[in-house]
Amino acid sequence: MPGFGASAGVTDSSKSAYHLWQGFSIAAVIIGGLTVLLMLYAVLRYRRKGDRIPEQHQYHLPLEMVYTVVPILIVFGLFAATLVVENKATANPKTNVVVNVNAFQWGWQFLYPGTNALVYGQTTESPVMEIPVNTNVHINLTSTDVIHGFYVRAFNFSRYALPGVVNQFTIRAQSTGTFFGQCTQLCGLYHSLMFFRVKVVSASDYAAWLATFNTPTGIANAAAALKTTNAELSSGVASKTSYTKFGR
């Protein structure tokens, strides 16, 4: 089935949105084609011939009911399909994998509560958020300073990072690999360099990666960052913090 210019992505929600787009596009092609055929039929069948005006008709109630009710049913069908996909995208099922993502000028911090994992990077450093495949990953998204945009191309997903607001969502990647992410809101001088990556790995590789942070430095850095992040999450007001580079 054609993609109509869209990509399926690698997450549950991106694939659902992709199939919805396919359905909308196919419906548009069918309805548009039918409309053009009816217009051509009317032009050719009832065109004026010489001085003779074609026979005029009005008040065909069965036909009028059809072209009134059918479009309404189509709109309801498209609305219902959209509602199902949107509810799936905004659902937050319970999961043990949580990442607190903080955006700031001009970089990203990824903190994993309950572990010592902390990854930080700015401008050209492109920090990596590592997550397990086929697992629900809950994201708490905040901003330290101005409005940023969390966007991963392969996920077909974007969400605002707002100061004073905690945006929550869940992603579930179905394929392993490393995927490009970036800030999508003009946020200052080095906005164009505010990149990050999402690395999707197996569950065993993810557990091994978390274990690499069990060092005195890693524990201290994670504890300090968690204290600041918990203050943001509990108060709803973004807090300024000092960042220490750690992780990969």
Protein backbone atom coordinates (compact mmCIF):
# COMPACT_ATOMS: atom_id res chain seq x y z
CA MET A 1 0.00 0.00 0.00
CA PRO A 2 1.44 3.44 -0.89
CA GLY A 3 2.67 5.71 1.87
CA PHE A 4 1.48 8.96 0.24
CA GLY A 5 4.68 10.74 1.25
CA ALA A 6 4.72 9.53 4.87
CA SER A 7 6.96 7.05 6.71
CA ALA A 8 5.76 4.30 9.04
CA GLY A 9 8.43 5.00 11.66
CA VAL A 10 9.62 2.49 14.25
CA THR A 11 7.21 2.95 17.17
CA ASP A 12 3.71 1.69 17.88
CA SER A 13 2.20 5.17 17.76
CA SER A 14 4.08 6.21 14.61
CA LYS A 15 2.82 3.14 12.75
CA SER A 16 -0.74 3.77 13.93
CA ALA A 17 -0.52 7.38 12.72
CA TYR A 18 0.96 6.16 9.42
CA HIS A 19 -1.93 3.75 8.83
CA LEU A 20 -4.38 6.51 9.71
CA TRP A 21 -2.70 8.77 7.14
CA GLN A 22 -2.96 6.00 4.55
CA GLY A 23 -6.67 5.59 5.29
CA PHE A 24 -7.30 9.33 5.04
CA SER A 25 -5.36 9.54 1.78
CA ILE A 26 -7.20 6.60 0.21
CA ALA A 27 -10.54 8.05 1.28
CA ALA A 28 -9.55 11.42 -0.23
CA VAL A 29 -8.55 9.78 -3.52
CA ILE A 30 -11.81 7.82 -3.72
CA ILE A 31 -14.04 10.76 -2.82
CA GLY A 32 -12.11 13.15 -5.05
CA GLY A 33 -12.22 10.73 -7.98
CA LEU A 34 -15.94 10.14 -7.52
CA THR A 35 -16.56 13.89 -7.37
CA VAL A 36 -14.62 14.50 -10.59
CA LEU A 37 -16.48 11.67 -12.37
CA LEU A 38 -19.86 13.07 -11.32
CA MET A 39 -18.84 16.54 -12.47
CA LEU A 40 -17.70 15.20 -15.85
CA TYR A 41 -20.90 13.19 -16.18
CA ALA A 42 -23.02 16.30 -15.48
CA VAL A 43 -20.99 18.39 -17.92
CA LEU A 44 -21.24 15.85 -20.73
CA ARG A 45 -24.72 14.47 -20.09
CA TYR A 46 -26.50 17.77 -19.48
CA ARG A 47 -24.51 20.16 -21.62
CA ARG A 48 -26.44 22.62 -23.72
CA LYS A 49 -27.05 21.45 -27.27
CA GLY A 50 -27.73 24.26 -29.68
CA ASP A 51 -30.60 26.45 -28.51
CA ARG A 52 -32.17 23.69 -26.47
CA ILE A 53 -31.83 24.02 -22.71
CA PRO A 54 -31.46 20.64 -20.91
CA GLU A 55 -34.41 19.41 -18.87
CA GLN A 56 -34.32 20.88 -15.36
CA HIS A 57 -34.83 18.82 -12.18
CA GLN A 58 -35.13 19.68 -8.48
CA TYR A 59 -36.26 18.25 -5.15
CA HIS A 60 -35.00 14.70 -5.65
CA LEU A 61 -35.34 13.82 -1.96
CA PRO A 62 -33.80 10.30 -2.00
CA LEU A 63 -30.71 11.60 -3.82
CA GLU A 64 -30.45 14.62 -1.55
CA MET A 65 -30.60 12.39 1.52
CA VAL A 66 -27.85 10.19 0.11
CA TYR A 67 -25.40 13.02 -0.56
CA THR A 68 -26.18 14.54 2.84
CA VAL A 69 -26.02 11.41 5.00
CA VAL A 70 -23.06 9.69 3.30
CA PRO A 71 -20.59 12.60 3.84
CA ILE A 72 -21.70 12.84 7.48
CA LEU A 73 -21.03 9.11 7.96
CA ILE A 74 -17.62 9.49 6.32
CA VAL A 75 -16.73 12.38 8.67
CA PHE A 76 -17.86 10.35 11.71
CA GLY A 77 -15.79 7.37 10.52
CA LEU A 78 -12.65 9.47 10.03
CA PHE A 79 -13.21 11.16 13.41
CA ALA A 80 -13.58 7.79 15.17
CA ALA A 81 -10.39 6.45 13.56
CA THR A 82 -8.52 9.61 14.57
CA LEU A 83 -9.78 9.34 18.13
CA VAL A 84 -8.55 5.75 18.44
CA VAL A 85 -5.06 6.66 17.17
CA GLU A 86 -4.81 9.80 19.31
CA ASN A 87 -5.89 7.92 22.44
CA LYS A 88 -3.21 5.34 21.75
CA ALA A 89 -0.58 8.08 21.29
CA THR A 90 -1.53 9.85 24.53
CA ALA A 91 -1.96 6.72 26.65
CA ASN A 92 0.51 6.26 29.49
CA PRO A 93 0.53 2.55 30.40
CA LYS A 94 2.39 1.52 33.53
CA THR A 95 6.05 0.77 33.00
CA ASN A 96 9.25 0.39 34.98
CA VAL A 97 11.30 2.33 32.42
CA VAL A 98 11.14 6.07 33.04
CA VAL A 99 13.33 8.81 31.58
CA ASN A 100 13.29 12.39 32.82
CA VAL A 101 14.23 14.49 29.79
CA ASN A 102 15.27 18.08 30.41
CA ALA A 103 15.89 20.51 27.55
CA PHE A 104 17.99 23.63 28.03
CA GLN A 105 19.92 26.13 25.93
CA TRP A 106 21.32 24.31 24.04
CA GLY A 107 21.36 20.67 24.95
CA TRP A 108 19.67 17.75 26.64
CA GLN A 109 19.82 15.83 29.89
CA PHE A 110 18.48 12.26 30.21
CA LEU A 111 18.03 11.02 33.77
CA TYR A 112 16.76 7.52 34.63
CA PRO A 113 15.02 7.56 38.06
CA GLY A 114 15.73 4.53 40.23
CA THR A 115 19.13 4.09 38.58
CA ASN A 116 22.39 6.01 38.49
CA ALA A 117 22.16 6.63 34.74
CA LEU A 118 22.61 10.25 33.70
CA VAL A 119 23.49 11.45 30.21
CA TYR A 120 24.14 15.07 29.39
CA GLY A 121 25.33 16.89 26.29
CA GLN A 122 25.02 20.22 24.55
CA THR A 123 25.42 21.75 21.06
CA THR A 124 27.62 19.43 18.97
CA GLU A 125 27.86 16.67 21.62
CA SER A 126 24.55 15.03 20.59
CA PRO A 127 23.81 13.04 23.79
CA VAL A 128 22.26 9.58 23.54
CA MET A 129 19.06 8.48 25.24
CA GLU A 130 19.23 4.70 25.46
CA ILE A 131 16.00 2.69 25.77
CA PRO A 132 15.05 -1.01 25.49
CA VAL A 133 13.21 -2.34 22.44
CA ASN A 134 9.56 -3.50 22.62
CA THR A 135 9.17 -1.82 26.01
CA ASN A 136 6.94 1.03 27.11
CA VAL A 137 9.18 3.97 28.03
CA HIS A 138 7.58 6.79 30.02
CA ILE A 139 9.03 10.24 29.37
CA ASN A 140 8.76 13.24 31.71
CA LEU A 141 9.69 16.20 29.52
CA THR A 142 10.67 19.57 31.02
CA SER A 143 12.58 22.70 30.05
CA THR A 144 14.96 24.72 32.18
CA ASP A 145 14.68 28.03 30.34
CA VAL A 146 12.66 28.59 27.15
CA ILE A 147 10.33 26.57 24.91
CA HIS A 148 12.06 23.67 23.16
CA GLY A 149 10.76 20.88 20.96
CA PHE A 150 11.47 17.15 21.48
CA TYR A 151 11.37 15.56 18.03
CA VAL A 152 12.53 12.15 16.77
CA ARG A 153 12.14 11.76 13.03
CA ALA A 154 11.89 7.95 13.05
CA PHE A 155 9.19 8.11 15.74
CA ASN A 156 7.00 10.56 13.78
CA PHE A 157 6.63 12.30 17.11
CA SER A 158 7.11 15.81 18.48
CA ARG A 159 6.24 17.33 21.84
CA TYR A 160 6.88 20.74 23.43
CA ALA A 161 9.34 21.05 26.30
CA LEU A 162 7.88 23.94 28.30
CA PRO A 163 9.31 25.78 31.31
CA GLY A 164 7.06 25.24 34.31
CA VAL A 165 5.20 22.33 32.66
CA VAL A 166 5.83 18.58 32.76
CA ASN A 167 4.75 16.95 29.51
CA GLN A 168 4.34 13.20 29.86
CA PHE A 169 4.13 10.59 27.12
CA THR A 170 5.06 6.98 26.42
CA ILE A 171 7.00 5.59 23.49
CA ARG A 172 7.48 1.97 22.47
CA ALA A 173 10.10 1.33 19.80
CA GLN A 174 9.69 -1.87 17.78
CA SER A 175 13.11 -1.84 16.10
CA THR A 176 16.63 -1.54 17.40
CA GLY A 177 18.97 1.13 16.05
CA THR A 178 20.10 4.69 16.63
CA PHE A 179 17.67 7.42 15.61
CA PHE A 180 18.20 11.15 15.14
CA GLY A 181 16.46 13.71 17.33
CA GLN A 182 16.51 17.49 17.54
CA CYS A 183 14.90 20.59 19.00
CA THR A 184 12.16 21.90 16.71
CA GLN A 185 11.43 25.25 18.38
CA LEU A 186 13.63 28.27 17.66
CA CYS A 187 15.23 28.68 21.08
CA GLY A 188 18.23 30.95 20.61
CA LEU A 189 21.67 31.24 19.11
CA TYR A 190 22.64 27.55 18.92
CA HIS A 191 19.20 26.08 18.24
CA SER A 192 20.45 24.56 14.98
CA LEU A 193 22.99 22.48 16.95
CA MET A 194 20.61 21.18 19.60
CA PHE A 195 20.69 17.52 18.59
CA PHE A 196 20.35 14.23 20.41
CA ARG A 197 20.03 10.56 19.52
CA VAL A 198 17.80 7.75 20.71
CA LYS A 199 19.51 4.37 20.83
CA VAL A 200 17.13 1.39 20.97
CA VAL A 201 18.79 -1.80 22.20
CA SER A 202 17.85 -5.23 23.51
CA ALA A 203 16.74 -5.62 27.13
CA SER A 204 20.02 -7.32 28.08
CA ASP A 205 22.12 -4.58 26.47
CA TYR A 206 20.01 -1.96 28.22
CA ALA A 207 20.58 -3.59 31.63
CA ALA A 208 24.32 -3.81 30.93
CA TRP A 209 24.38 -0.13 29.94
CA LEU A 210 22.65 0.93 33.17
CA ALA A 211 25.24 -1.03 35.14
CA THR A 212 28.07 1.07 33.70
CA PHE A 213 26.84 4.02 35.81
CA ASN A 214 27.35 2.21 39.13
CA THR A 215 30.46 4.18 40.02
CA PRO A 216 30.97 6.76 42.80
CA THR A 217 30.98 9.61 40.26
CA GLY A 218 27.91 8.28 38.50
CA ILE A 219 26.00 7.85 41.75
CA ALA A 220 26.84 11.38 42.91
CA ASN A 221 25.91 12.97 39.58
CA ALA A 222 22.62 11.09 39.33
CA ALA A 223 21.66 11.96 42.92
CA ALA A 224 22.30 15.69 42.36
CA ALA A 225 20.38 15.73 39.07
CA LEU A 226 17.51 13.70 40.54
CA LYS A 227 17.13 16.17 43.42
CA THR A 228 16.77 19.08 40.99
CA THR A 229 14.45 17.18 38.65
CA ASN A 230 12.21 16.04 41.51
CA ALA A 231 11.86 19.68 42.55
CA GLU A 232 10.68 20.53 39.03
CA LEU A 233 8.27 17.60 38.83
CA SER A 234 6.72 18.30 42.24
CA SER A 235 6.42 22.06 41.91
CA GLY A 236 5.71 22.36 38.20
CA VAL A 237 8.24 25.19 38.02
CA ALA A 238 11.49 24.64 36.15
CA SER A 239 14.58 25.02 38.34
CA LYS A 240 17.98 26.23 37.27
CA THR A 241 20.72 23.70 37.80
CA SER A 242 24.38 23.15 37.10
CA TYR A 243 25.18 20.25 34.82
CA THR A 244 28.06 17.82 35.02
CA LYS A 245 28.91 15.93 31.90
CA PHE A 246 28.74 12.19 32.45
CA GLY A 247 27.82 9.18 30.39
CA ARG A 248 27.98 8.46 26.70
